[in-house]
C-alpha atoms as a PDB file:
ATOM      1  CA  MET A   1       2.103   8.542  14.352  1.00  0.00           C
ATOM      2  CA  LEU A   2       4.698   5.832  14.831  1.00  0.00           C
ATOM      3  CA  SER A   3       4.126   5.889  18.574  1.00  0.00           C
ATOM      4  CA  MET A   4       0.350   5.738  18.217  1.00  0.00           C
ATOM      5  CA  ARG A   5       0.576   2.943  15.691  1.00  0.00           C
ATOM      6  CA  SER A   6       3.047   0.923  17.742  1.00  0.00           C
ATOM      7  CA  SER A   7       0.808   1.210  20.821  1.00  0.00           C
ATOM      8  CA  LEU A   8      -1.984  -0.749  19.117  1.00  0.00           C
ATOM      9  CA  ALA A   9      -2.501  -4.219  20.584  1.00  0.00           C
ATOM     10  CA  ALA A  10      -2.284  -7.241  18.277  1.00  0.00           C
ATOM     11  CA  ALA A  11      -6.008  -7.987  18.628  1.00  0.00           C
ATOM     12  CA  GLU A  12      -6.856  -4.401  17.733  1.00  0.00           C
ATOM     13  CA  THR A  13      -4.618  -4.349  14.642  1.00  0.00           C
ATOM     14  CA  ALA A  14      -6.158  -7.662  13.529  1.00  0.00           C
ATOM     15  CA  SER A  15      -9.692  -6.312  13.907  1.00  0.00           C
ATOM     16  CA  LEU A  16      -8.879  -3.023  12.176  1.00  0.00           C
ATOM     17  CA  GLY A  17      -7.011  -4.873   9.445  1.00  0.00           C
ATOM     18  CA  ASN A  18     -10.029  -7.101   8.784  1.00  0.00           C
ATOM     19  CA  SER A  19     -12.226  -4.033   8.373  1.00  0.00           C
ATOM     20  CA  ILE A  20      -9.781  -2.429   5.936  1.00  0.00           C
ATOM     21  CA  PHE A  21      -9.472  -5.722   4.023  1.00  0.00           C
ATOM     22  CA  ARG A  22     -13.261  -6.027   3.596  1.00  0.00           C
ATOM     23  CA  LEU A  23     -13.593  -2.447   2.354  1.00  0.00           C
ATOM     24  CA  LEU A  24     -10.637  -2.767  -0.037  1.00  0.00           C
ATOM     25  CA  THR A  25     -11.651  -6.084  -1.591  1.00  0.00           C
ATOM     26  CA  GLY A  26     -15.205  -4.798  -2.021  1.00  0.00           C
ATOM     27  CA  THR A  27     -14.135  -1.864  -4.190  1.00  0.00           C
ATOM     28  CA  ARG A  28     -14.525  -1.811  -7.952  1.00  0.00           C
ATOM     29  CA  ALA A  29     -10.843  -0.815  -8.166  1.00  0.00           C
ATOM     30  CA  TYR A  30      -9.808  -4.099  -6.516  1.00  0.00           C
ATOM     31  CA  LYS A  31     -12.310  -6.235  -8.421  1.00  0.00           C
ATOM     32  CA  ASP A  32     -11.345  -4.747 -11.810  1.00  0.00           C
ATOM     33  CA  ALA A  33      -7.579  -4.800 -11.246  1.00  0.00           C
ATOM     34  CA  ALA A  34      -5.605  -7.453 -13.108  1.00  0.00           C
ATOM     35  CA  GLY A  35      -2.570  -6.609 -10.982  1.00  0.00           C
ATOM     36  CA  ILE A  36      -2.255  -5.868  -7.277  1.00  0.00           C
ATOM     37  CA  LEU A  37       1.022  -4.152  -6.303  1.00  0.00           C
ATOM     38  CA  VAL A  38       1.123  -4.216  -2.525  1.00  0.00           C
ATOM     39  CA  TYR A  39       3.537  -3.439   0.297  1.00  0.00           C
ATOM     40  CA  VAL A  40       4.198  -6.109   2.893  1.00  0.00           C
ATOM     41  CA  SER A  41       3.117  -4.720   6.257  1.00  0.00           C
ATOM     42  CA  VAL A  42       5.576  -4.419   9.146  1.00  0.00           C
ATOM     43  CA  ASN A  43       5.629  -2.617  12.502  1.00  0.00           C
ATOM     44  CA  ASN A  44       1.856  -2.438  13.019  1.00  0.00           C
ATOM     45  CA  GLU A  45       1.147  -0.959   9.578  1.00  0.00           C
ATOM     46  CA  ALA A  46      -2.331  -1.674   8.245  1.00  0.00           C
ATOM     47  CA  ASP A  47      -2.106  -5.388   7.507  1.00  0.00           C
ATOM     48  CA  THR A  48      -1.616  -6.507   3.913  1.00  0.00           C
ATOM     49  CA  ARG A  49      -1.031 -10.247   4.411  1.00  0.00           C
ATOM     50  CA  ALA A  50      -4.707 -11.048   3.800  1.00  0.00           C
ATOM     51  CA  VAL A  51      -4.695  -8.793   0.728  1.00  0.00           C
ATOM     52  CA  ILE A  52      -1.723 -10.679  -0.719  1.00  0.00           C
ATOM     53  CA  ASP A  53      -3.344 -14.056  -0.009  1.00  0.00           C
ATOM     54  CA  ARG A  54      -6.674 -12.947  -1.481  1.00  0.00           C
ATOM     55  CA  ALA A  55      -5.118 -11.432  -4.616  1.00  0.00           C
ATOM     56  CA  LEU A  56      -3.202 -14.649  -5.260  1.00  0.00           C
ATOM     57  CA  ALA A  57      -6.337 -16.759  -4.614  1.00  0.00           C
ATOM     58  CA  ASP A  58      -8.309 -14.514  -6.989  1.00  0.00           C
ATOM     59  CA  GLY A  59      -5.748 -15.209  -9.722  1.00  0.00           C
ATOM     60  CA  LYS A  60      -4.532 -11.620  -9.859  1.00  0.00           C
ATOM     61  CA  LYS A  61      -0.943 -10.831 -10.755  1.00  0.00           C
ATOM     62  CA  THR A  62       0.478  -9.943  -7.360  1.00  0.00           C
ATOM     63  CA  ALA A  63       3.706  -8.025  -6.788  1.00  0.00           C
ATOM     64  CA  VAL A  64       5.529  -6.637  -3.779  1.00  0.00           C
ATOM     65  CA  PRO A  65       8.299  -4.032  -3.611  1.00  0.00           C
ATOM     66  CA  ARG A  66      11.939  -5.007  -3.814  1.00  0.00           C
ATOM     67  CA  ILE A  67      14.572  -2.387  -3.017  1.00  0.00           C
ATOM     68  CA  ILE A  68      17.017  -2.130  -5.904  1.00  0.00           C
ATOM     69  CA  SER A  69      19.195   0.696  -4.597  1.00  0.00           C
ATOM     70  CA  ARG A  70      18.858   3.684  -2.287  1.00  0.00           C
ATOM     71  CA  GLY A  71      15.590   5.387  -3.244  1.00  0.00           C
ATOM     72  CA  GLU A  72      14.738   2.885  -5.997  1.00  0.00           C
ATOM     73  CA  MET A  73      12.327  -0.033  -5.870  1.00  0.00           C
ATOM     74  CA  LYS A  74      10.531  -2.304  -8.288  1.00  0.00           C
ATOM     75  CA  PHE A  75       7.374  -4.326  -7.813  1.00  0.00           C
ATOM     76  CA  ILE A  76       8.297  -7.982  -8.377  1.00  0.00           C
ATOM     77  CA  SER A  77       5.593 -10.594  -8.940  1.00  0.00           C
ATOM     78  CA  ILE A  78       5.178 -13.458  -6.500  1.00  0.00           C
ATOM     79  CA  THR A  79       3.104 -16.627  -6.528  1.00  0.00           C
ATOM     80  CA  ASP A  80       3.445 -17.473  -2.843  1.00  0.00           C
ATOM     81  CA  PRO A  81       4.065 -15.304   0.261  1.00  0.00           C
ATOM     82  CA  ASP A  82       6.677 -17.858   1.325  1.00  0.00           C
ATOM     83  CA  GLU A  83       8.888 -16.443  -1.463  1.00  0.00           C
ATOM     84  CA  LEU A  84       9.555 -13.416   0.746  1.00  0.00           C
ATOM     85  CA  ALA A  85      12.554 -12.848   3.024  1.00  0.00           C
ATOM     86  CA  ALA A  86      13.470  -9.850   5.173  1.00  0.00           C
ATOM     87  CA  ASN A  87      15.817  -7.369   3.519  1.00  0.00           C
ATOM     88  CA  ARG A  88      18.441  -5.326   5.388  1.00  0.00           C
ATOM     89  CA  LEU A  89      15.674  -3.028   6.691  1.00  0.00           C
ATOM     90  CA  GLY A  90      13.642  -5.969   7.963  1.00  0.00           C
ATOM     91  CA  ILE A  91      11.005  -5.583   5.243  1.00  0.00           C
ATOM     92  CA  PRO A  92       9.916  -8.799   3.500  1.00  0.00           C
ATOM     93  CA  GLU A  93      10.595  -8.788  -0.235  1.00  0.00           C
ATOM     94  CA  PRO A  94      11.093 -11.356  -3.012  1.00  0.00           C
ATOM     95  CA  GLU A  95      14.294 -13.216  -2.147  1.00  0.00           C
ATOM     96  CA  ASP A  96      16.000 -13.308  -5.501  1.00  0.00           C
ATOM     97  CA  GLY A  97      13.943 -10.849  -7.495  1.00  0.00           C
ATOM     98  CA  SER A  98      13.467 -13.417 -10.249  1.00  0.00           C
ATOM     99  CA  GLY A  99       9.750 -12.692 -10.697  1.00  0.00           C
ATOM    100  CA  ALA A 100       8.513 -10.409 -13.431  1.00  0.00           C
ATOM    101  CA  GLU A 101       8.348  -6.694 -12.773  1.00  0.00           C
ATOM    102  CA  LEU A 102       4.825  -5.265 -12.665  1.00  0.00           C
ATOM    103  CA  SER A 103       4.072  -1.604 -13.220  1.00  0.00           C
ATOM    104  CA  SER A 104       0.310  -1.391 -13.704  1.00  0.00           C
ATOM    105  CA  GLY A 105      -2.744  -2.144 -11.624  1.00  0.00           C
ATOM    106  CA  LEU A 106      -3.912  -1.210  -8.145  1.00  0.00           C
ATOM    107  CA  VAL A 107      -1.044  -0.072  -5.924  1.00  0.00           C
ATOM    108  CA  ILE A 108      -1.561  -0.461  -2.173  1.00  0.00           C
ATOM    109  CA  VAL A 109       0.573   2.231  -0.526  1.00  0.00           C
ATOM    110  CA  PRO A 110       1.900   2.536   3.048  1.00  0.00           C
ATOM    111  CA  GLY A 111       2.470   5.772   4.924  1.00  0.00           C
ATOM    112  CA  LEU A 112       2.756   7.532   8.270  1.00  0.00           C
ATOM    113  CA  ALA A 113      -0.033  10.056   7.791  1.00  0.00           C
ATOM    114  CA  PHE A 114      -2.537  11.191   5.190  1.00  0.00           C
ATOM    115  CA  ASP A 115      -4.949  14.048   4.761  1.00  0.00           C
ATOM    116  CA  THR A 116      -8.365  14.499   3.252  1.00  0.00           C
ATOM    117  CA  ASP A 117      -6.795  16.227   0.230  1.00  0.00           C
ATOM    118  CA  MET A 118      -5.215  12.831  -0.579  1.00  0.00           C
ATOM    119  CA  ASN A 119      -1.677  13.816   0.445  1.00  0.00           C
ATOM    120  CA  ARG A 120       0.615  11.164   1.889  1.00  0.00           C
ATOM    121  CA  LEU A 121       3.463  11.508   4.361  1.00  0.00           C
ATOM    122  CA  GLY A 122       5.767   8.542   3.840  1.00  0.00           C
ATOM    123  CA  TYR A 123       8.831   7.376   5.708  1.00  0.00           C
ATOM    124  CA  GLY A 124      11.265   9.783   4.058  1.00  0.00           C
ATOM    125  CA  GLY A 125      12.983   7.512   1.541  1.00  0.00           C
ATOM    126  CA  GLY A 126      11.060   8.765  -1.483  1.00  0.00           C
ATOM    127  CA  TYR A 127      10.719   5.251  -2.906  1.00  0.00           C
ATOM    128  CA  TYR A 128       7.028   5.534  -3.791  1.00  0.00           C
ATOM    129  CA  ASP A 129       7.210   9.117  -5.104  1.00  0.00           C
ATOM    130  CA  ARG A 130      10.070   8.142  -7.426  1.00  0.00           C
ATOM    131  CA  TRP A 131       8.260   5.006  -8.547  1.00  0.00           C
ATOM    132  CA  PHE A 132       5.048   6.968  -9.190  1.00  0.00           C
ATOM    133  CA  ALA A 133       7.007   9.552 -11.203  1.00  0.00           C
ATOM    134  CA  CYS A 134       7.780   6.755 -13.683  1.00  0.00           C
ATOM    135  CA  HIS A 135       4.633   4.625 -13.453  1.00  0.00           C
ATOM    136  CA  GLY A 136       1.922   6.767 -11.875  1.00  0.00           C
ATOM    137  CA  SER A 137      -0.223   7.016 -14.995  1.00  0.00           C
ATOM    138  CA  ASN A 138      -0.521   3.202 -15.155  1.00  0.00           C
ATOM    139  CA  VAL A 139      -1.889   2.685 -11.656  1.00  0.00           C
ATOM    140  CA  VAL A 140      -4.602   3.460  -9.156  1.00  0.00           C
ATOM    141  CA  LYS A 141      -2.989   4.591  -5.886  1.00  0.00           C
ATOM    142  CA  CYS A 142      -4.719   3.391  -2.731  1.00  0.00           C
ATOM    143  CA  ALA A 143      -3.375   3.974   0.771  1.00  0.00           C
ATOM    144  CA  LEU A 144      -4.327   1.829   3.752  1.00  0.00           C
ATOM    145  CA  ALA A 145      -4.408   3.557   7.138  1.00  0.00           C
ATOM    146  CA  TYR A 146      -5.939   3.603  10.573  1.00  0.00           C
ATOM    147  CA  ASP A 147      -8.426   6.418  11.123  1.00  0.00           C
ATOM    148  CA  PHE A 148      -6.078   8.327  13.453  1.00  0.00           C
ATOM    149  CA  GLN A 149      -3.552   8.541  10.590  1.00  0.00           C
ATOM    150  CA  VAL A 150      -5.917  10.667   8.466  1.00  0.00           C
ATOM    151  CA  MET A 151      -5.869  14.362   9.305  1.00  0.00           C
ATOM    152  CA  GLN A 152      -7.344  17.512   7.858  1.00  0.00           C
ATOM    153  CA  SER A 153      -3.945  18.614   6.537  1.00  0.00           C
ATOM    154  CA  ILE A 154      -0.353  17.339   6.563  1.00  0.00           C
ATOM    155  CA  PRO A 155       2.905  18.878   5.346  1.00  0.00           C
ATOM    156  CA  HIS A 156       3.516  18.130   1.684  1.00  0.00           C
ATOM    157  CA  GLU A 157       5.580  19.306  -1.253  1.00  0.00           C
ATOM    158  CA  GLU A 158       4.750  19.855  -4.900  1.00  0.00           C
ATOM    159  CA  LYS A 159       6.607  16.680  -5.940  1.00  0.00           C
ATOM    160  CA  ASP A 160       4.620  14.494  -3.522  1.00  0.00           C
ATOM    161  CA  VAL A 161       2.156  12.212  -5.299  1.00  0.00           C
ATOM    162  CA  LYS A 162      -1.458  12.304  -4.167  1.00  0.00           C
ATOM    163  CA  MET A 163      -3.409   9.142  -3.529  1.00  0.00           C
ATOM    164  CA  ASP A 164      -6.549   8.235  -5.467  1.00  0.00           C
ATOM    165  CA  CYS A 165      -8.097   6.803  -2.324  1.00  0.00           C
ATOM    166  CA  ILE A 166      -7.427   6.157   1.346  1.00  0.00           C
ATOM    167  CA  ILE A 167      -9.095   3.208   3.044  1.00  0.00           C
ATOM    168  CA  THR A 168      -9.446   3.113   6.820  1.00  0.00           C
ATOM    169  CA  PRO A 169     -11.449   0.670   8.952  1.00  0.00           C
ATOM    170  CA  GLU A 170     -14.342   3.152   8.914  1.00  0.00           C
ATOM    171  CA  ARG A 171     -14.392   4.703   5.443  1.00  0.00           C
ATOM    172  CA  ILE A 172     -13.156   5.038   1.906  1.00  0.00           C
ATOM    173  CA  ILE A 173     -11.909   8.541   1.152  1.00  0.00           C
ATOM    174  CA  THR A 174     -11.561   9.453  -2.515  1.00  0.00           C
ATOM    175  CA  ALA A 175     -10.421  12.475  -4.419  1.00  0.00           C
ATOM    176  CA  GLN A 176     -13.334  14.667  -5.383  1.00  0.00           C
ATOM    177  CA  GLY A 177     -14.900  13.413  -8.583  1.00  0.00           C
ATOM    178  CA  ASN A 178     -13.071  10.057  -8.463  1.00  0.00           C
ATOM    179  CA  SER A 179     -15.510   7.318  -9.467  1.00  0.00           C
ATOM    180  CA  THR A 180     -12.959   4.481  -9.556  1.00  0.00           C
ATOM    181  CA  PHE A 181     -14.066   3.173  -6.186  1.00  0.00           C
END
């Protein structure tokens, strides 16, 4: 997946990202959310810069992850994307962490691969699964992905947290019976 994702040209990722952005911001989950908790895209991940800008422009509380310690993160509110600086892993996060912590709203989740049963294969750090274990009942979990990242089935464990929806450039996939979107 990393190889396929990294092989995408900049123009292609921009086009695909625009399609994902339009689908996401058109959902009832986005429109109704007071808070948007969103990863900052790196390494050809589905782009979230426009989502961050739009959420801020829409007056929504907007927060991005900040790594606290190995395996632990918090979503820290921002008012401007310029407040972000690369951490030791090269991932932009709030520089000083002085913003308020948010733990409810629509969470935009990254990942390597997903399946139609709403499972997510992350990057192996367990940050999101641990965070969801504490805050999962307060949020709607929405993954952004390219279509090739969504498969019929992926390896998963009992402790892995399922997504409520997966948005690709072509479709919105929801858990059966989920009317949030």
